[in-house]
Amino acid sequence: MNENPKRAKIIEASKQVFNEVGIGAATMHIIADASGISRRTMYRYFESKEDLAYKVLLKYMNEWNQAQEDMYSQLEGLGIEKLEDHLYALLDYMIENRHMIRFMGDFDYYFRDSFDYVVEEKLGENLNRSFHGSDSIFHEIIEIGLNDGSIQIKEDIDLLVATITNVLWIFGQGIALREEHIRIDSSVEPTEMFKCQIRLYINSLRVE
């Protein structure tokens, strides 16, 4: 079902505000101004900036999952080759969409475990499904590799997939949020660290 045009406009304005000032500094007043509507109208559609942050998160996750599906449809070769190409394609996407990755990092910090907020049930269910989009694609690629003999695993496949997706996601957030600091502190290019992590995964899974 299509989003109500006014709601969609508010969500787009929220994306802009969150990317510019962060979730913590954002207010409903700032978002209303960016949307070109009154605060009274804002509250007819959303109760708080936290509600909006979750809607923005879902929008980003849907974009992320669609991009992954597009990447996956273009993969060729053995399972290990598909896995390697997919990981590098994800890295390119993260580099091109740093604003999205920064928002995700900001979101995780703002809604850390100590933050008392209950997300609306249906939205929570949609987010839970979207979070597993990456897992299903990686699971399928690894299964292909196991079947064609190009991938070997020593861990439970679900644990392996969850580790790959979560570690790379956290790594990507860290680079997006602290790229210059990492470059100075480590004396290496952050993206090269990301590529090194990919090589570690591929080398550990490749059947020689």
Foldseek 3Di string as FASTA:
>chain_A
DDDDVLVVLLLVLLLVVCLVPNLVPDFLCSSCVSSVHDSVVVCVRDPTSLLSLLVNLLVLLVVVLVQLVVLQVPADDFLLSSLLSSLVSSLVVLVVPLSSLLSVLSNCVVPPPVDDDDHDDVSVVSVVVSVCSQLVSNLVSVVRNVVVVFWDDDDDSSVVSVVVVVVLSVLSSCCSVCQVVCCVVVVDHSSVVSVVVSVVVSVVTGDD
